[in-house]
Amino acid sequence: MMTAITINLLAEEQQAKQQRDHDPLKAVIACALGVAALVVGVGGVFLFLASQERTQLVSRQARWEQLGGGGAHESEFQKVKTAADEIIALNRARFLCAPQLALLKDLIPTNIQLSQFDFATVVEIPRGEAADEGEGDGKKAARPKRIERIVLRLNGRATSNRPELEVDRFLQTLRTDPQFSALVERIQLQSIARSAVDAGAGVPAVQVADFVIECRYREQP
């Protein structure tokens, strides 16, 4: 009589799987691998953030160097601006003097030669206000009024038998011309010196008079 033996391989496989699942060593290894993967992931994130910060720092450093180098350009700009302001001031002064010279050129007689024109701005204090400024009565003196005037100096030479008379006629012409005298408050002769210039052999010496005339314009508005 034979006896049948039945072997359940599925049950044995399930039992072996359960034993493997409950193996503590494998659980530790799996946990360690999970922690290592997490550390690697977090490290990658921090490395990416650090790279971005480094890039921004380099960009800011380059910007700072550009701004630092801009100081030299600003200094050059200020020099150019100062020169431009001076040119503008000279240009305005040129336009200021041009009308006066245009009036003057028609008043110069043929025997008067002007060698130099000098324009200058002077500041005057009226005599009464200057005296009041010096008085001390325990109170703070008011600041005196200052008047700006343009002064024109004419250096020239008159040629004639009597050059002094030619200079005097020129002065009278300047004082009586309606357009020029409307601009000028005072015209006076500053200096005059007579001399003789040798014209050559057999020719009488020419009498000349070198003079300086000052024209003080009216108060500027």
Protein backbone atom coordinates (compact mmCIF):
# COMPACT_ATOMS: atom_id res chain seq x y z
CA MET A 1 0.00 0.00 0.00
CA MET A 2 1.42 3.30 -1.08
CA THR A 3 0.94 6.64 0.77
CA ALA A 4 0.66 9.98 -1.31
CA ILE A 5 2.77 12.89 -0.11
CA THR A 6 1.64 16.41 -1.22
CA ILE A 7 4.13 19.30 -1.13
CA ASN A 8 2.72 22.84 -1.17
CA LEU A 9 5.49 24.86 -2.90
CA LEU A 10 3.45 28.07 -2.86
CA ALA A 11 3.16 27.99 0.91
CA GLU A 12 6.88 27.47 1.25
CA GLU A 13 7.59 30.37 -1.09
CA GLN A 14 5.30 32.66 0.89
CA GLN A 15 6.95 31.55 4.12
CA ALA A 16 10.40 32.28 2.69
CA LYS A 17 9.22 35.70 1.51
CA GLN A 18 7.87 36.53 4.94
CA GLN A 19 11.19 35.52 6.47
CA ARG A 20 13.01 37.80 4.06
CA ASP A 21 10.65 40.67 4.78
CA HIS A 22 11.24 40.35 8.50
CA ASP A 23 15.02 40.21 8.09
CA PRO A 24 16.31 43.20 10.19
CA LEU A 25 19.56 43.48 8.26
CA LYS A 26 17.79 44.17 5.02
CA ALA A 27 15.58 46.75 6.70
CA VAL A 28 18.65 48.59 8.01
CA ILE A 29 20.26 48.51 4.59
CA ALA A 30 17.14 49.83 2.92
CA CYS A 31 16.83 52.61 5.52
CA ALA A 32 20.47 53.56 5.04
CA LEU A 33 20.04 53.74 1.29
CA GLY A 34 16.97 55.96 1.72
CA VAL A 35 18.83 58.35 4.05
CA ALA A 36 21.80 58.47 1.66
CA ALA A 37 19.52 59.31 -1.26
CA LEU A 38 17.86 62.07 0.80
CA VAL A 39 21.25 63.53 1.77
CA VAL A 40 22.40 63.51 -1.85
CA GLY A 41 19.18 65.23 -2.95
CA VAL A 42 19.41 67.94 -0.27
CA GLY A 43 23.10 68.45 -1.06
CA GLY A 44 22.26 68.93 -4.73
CA VAL A 45 19.66 71.55 -3.85
CA PHE A 46 22.11 73.47 -1.64
CA LEU A 47 24.79 73.25 -4.33
CA PHE A 48 22.38 74.71 -6.89
CA LEU A 49 21.44 77.56 -4.54
CA ALA A 50 25.10 78.26 -3.77
CA SER A 51 25.89 78.39 -7.49
CA GLN A 52 23.10 80.94 -8.01
CA GLU A 53 24.37 83.09 -5.13
CA ARG A 54 27.90 82.95 -6.54
CA THR A 55 26.63 84.06 -9.95
CA GLN A 56 24.74 87.00 -8.42
CA LEU A 57 27.79 87.97 -6.37
CA VAL A 58 30.00 88.02 -9.46
CA SER A 59 27.41 90.13 -11.29
CA ARG A 60 27.18 92.61 -8.42
CA GLN A 61 30.97 92.80 -8.20
CA ALA A 62 31.19 93.62 -11.90
CA ARG A 63 28.47 96.27 -11.49
CA TRP A 64 30.33 97.79 -8.55
CA GLU A 65 33.53 97.97 -10.55
CA GLN A 66 31.65 99.73 -13.34
CA LEU A 67 30.24 102.23 -10.88
CA GLY A 68 33.66 102.72 -9.34
CA GLY A 69 35.16 103.36 -12.76
CA GLY A 70 32.38 105.84 -13.45
CA GLY A 71 34.00 108.29 -11.03
CA ALA A 72 36.72 109.01 -13.56
CA HIS A 73 34.13 109.54 -16.28
CA GLU A 74 32.20 111.88 -13.98
CA SER A 75 35.35 113.88 -13.33
CA GLU A 76 35.95 114.19 -17.06
CA PHE A 77 32.32 115.21 -17.52
CA GLN A 78 32.69 117.95 -14.91
CA LYS A 79 35.79 119.29 -16.68
CA VAL A 80 33.97 119.34 -20.02
CA LYS A 81 30.95 121.02 -18.39
CA THR A 82 33.15 123.70 -16.81
CA ALA A 83 34.79 124.41 -20.16
CA ALA A 84 31.37 124.56 -21.83
CA ASP A 85 30.12 127.03 -19.20
CA GLU A 86 33.15 129.24 -19.83
CA ILE A 87 32.55 129.11 -23.58
CA ILE A 88 28.90 130.05 -23.07
CA ALA A 89 29.92 132.97 -20.84
CA LEU A 90 32.40 134.20 -23.43
CA ASN A 91 29.82 133.79 -26.16
CA ARG A 92 27.30 135.85 -24.21
CA ALA A 93 29.93 138.52 -23.60
CA ARG A 94 30.71 138.58 -27.31
CA PHE A 95 27.09 139.23 -28.15
CA LEU A 96 26.99 141.86 -25.39
CA CYS A 97 29.94 143.81 -26.83
CA ALA A 98 29.11 143.39 -30.51
CA PRO A 99 26.31 146.01 -30.65
CA GLN A 100 28.48 148.59 -28.89
CA LEU A 101 31.38 148.01 -31.25
CA ALA A 102 28.98 148.24 -34.19
CA LEU A 103 27.94 151.70 -33.00
CA LEU A 104 31.50 152.76 -32.35
CA LYS A 105 32.94 151.82 -35.73
CA ASP A 106 30.82 154.46 -37.50
CA LEU A 107 32.07 157.22 -35.17
CA ILE A 108 35.82 156.82 -35.74
CA PRO A 109 37.23 159.52 -38.05
CA THR A 110 39.87 158.77 -40.64
CA ASN A 111 42.74 160.40 -38.73
CA ILE A 112 42.02 158.34 -35.58
CA GLN A 113 43.33 154.81 -35.37
CA LEU A 114 42.22 152.58 -32.52
CA SER A 115 44.69 149.86 -31.63
CA GLN A 116 42.96 148.15 -28.72
CA PHE A 117 39.49 147.67 -27.21
CA ASP A 118 39.18 146.52 -23.61
CA PHE A 119 35.82 145.62 -22.09
CA ALA A 120 35.58 145.04 -18.34
CA THR A 121 32.88 144.82 -15.69
CA VAL A 122 33.35 146.97 -12.59
CA VAL A 123 31.35 147.05 -9.35
CA GLU A 124 30.63 150.44 -7.80
CA ILE A 125 29.21 151.47 -4.42
CA PRO A 126 27.46 154.86 -4.31
CA ARG A 127 29.29 157.37 -2.12
CA GLY A 128 26.37 157.99 0.22
CA GLU A 129 25.82 154.30 0.90
CA ALA A 130 29.55 153.71 1.37
CA ALA A 131 29.59 156.46 4.06
CA ASP A 132 26.55 155.00 5.79
CA GLU A 133 28.24 151.61 5.90
CA GLY A 134 31.12 153.06 7.91
CA GLU A 135 28.89 154.64 10.59
CA GLY A 136 28.57 152.50 13.73
CA ASP A 137 25.43 153.08 15.80
CA GLY A 138 25.28 149.69 17.47
CA LYS A 139 23.01 148.29 14.77
CA LYS A 140 23.92 146.01 11.96
CA ALA A 141 24.56 148.17 8.92
CA ALA A 142 22.53 147.47 5.82
CA ARG A 143 24.47 146.03 2.95
CA PRO A 144 25.15 148.82 0.44
CA LYS A 145 23.78 148.57 -3.05
CA ARG A 146 26.35 147.49 -5.61
CA ILE A 147 26.14 148.67 -9.19
CA GLU A 148 27.67 146.73 -12.05
CA ARG A 149 28.86 148.69 -15.04
CA ILE A 150 30.64 147.87 -18.27
CA VAL A 151 33.74 149.93 -18.93
CA LEU A 152 35.21 150.28 -22.42
CA ARG A 153 38.79 151.49 -22.77
CA LEU A 154 39.90 152.73 -26.18
CA ASN A 155 43.61 152.89 -26.93
CA GLY A 156 44.39 154.83 -30.08
CA ARG A 157 46.49 157.33 -31.95
CA ALA A 158 45.59 160.61 -33.62
CA THR A 159 47.65 161.85 -36.55
CA SER A 160 47.54 165.53 -37.48
CA ASN A 161 49.42 168.81 -37.22
CA ARG A 162 47.52 169.29 -33.97
CA PRO A 163 46.58 165.76 -32.85
CA GLU A 164 45.20 166.97 -29.51
CA LEU A 165 42.38 168.73 -31.34
CA GLU A 166 41.57 165.55 -33.25
CA VAL A 167 41.30 163.65 -29.97
CA ASP A 168 39.03 166.37 -28.56
CA ARG A 169 36.78 166.22 -31.63
CA PHE A 170 36.58 162.45 -31.30
CA LEU A 171 35.51 162.86 -27.66
CA GLN A 172 32.81 165.34 -28.66
CA THR A 173 31.56 162.96 -31.36
CA LEU A 174 31.23 160.15 -28.84
CA ARG A 175 29.43 162.37 -26.34
CA THR A 176 26.96 163.88 -28.80
CA ASP A 177 26.02 160.79 -30.80
CA PRO A 178 22.45 159.99 -29.71
CA GLN A 179 22.71 156.19 -29.90
CA PHE A 180 26.13 155.84 -28.27
CA SER A 181 25.52 158.47 -25.57
CA ALA A 182 22.24 156.77 -24.68
CA LEU A 183 24.22 153.73 -23.56
CA VAL A 184 27.21 155.48 -22.01
CA GLU A 185 26.98 157.51 -18.82
CA ARG A 186 30.46 159.04 -18.80
CA ILE A 187 33.19 159.46 -21.42
CA GLN A 188 36.51 160.89 -20.34
CA LEU A 189 40.08 161.11 -21.53
CA GLN A 190 42.37 159.05 -19.31
CA SER A 191 45.72 159.97 -20.82
CA ILE A 192 47.29 161.60 -23.88
CA ALA A 193 50.90 161.85 -24.97
CA ARG A 194 52.15 163.76 -27.99
CA SER A 195 55.17 162.71 -30.02
CA ALA A 196 56.70 163.07 -33.46
CA VAL A 197 57.20 160.20 -35.88
CA ASP A 198 59.97 160.48 -38.45
CA ALA A 199 58.49 159.91 -41.91
CA GLY A 200 61.81 159.67 -43.76
CA ALA A 201 64.50 161.84 -45.33
CA GLY A 202 63.27 165.20 -46.52
CA VAL A 203 59.79 164.67 -45.08
CA PRO A 204 58.64 166.60 -42.01
CA ALA A 205 58.00 164.58 -38.92
CA VAL A 206 54.40 163.58 -38.37
CA GLN A 207 52.80 164.75 -35.16
CA VAL A 208 50.88 162.02 -33.33
CA ALA A 209 49.12 161.75 -30.01
CA ASP A 210 48.60 158.43 -28.24
CA PHE A 211 45.52 158.47 -26.03
CA VAL A 212 43.33 156.35 -23.79
CA ILE A 213 39.60 157.05 -23.53
CA GLU A 214 37.34 155.42 -20.97
CA CYS A 215 33.62 154.94 -21.65
CA ARG A 216 31.62 153.99 -18.56
CA TYR A 217 28.27 152.48 -19.50
CA ARG A 218 25.05 152.94 -17.59
CA GLU A 219 23.93 150.62 -14.82
CA GLN A 220 23.11 147.12 -16.01
CA PRO A 221 19.50 146.01 -15.42
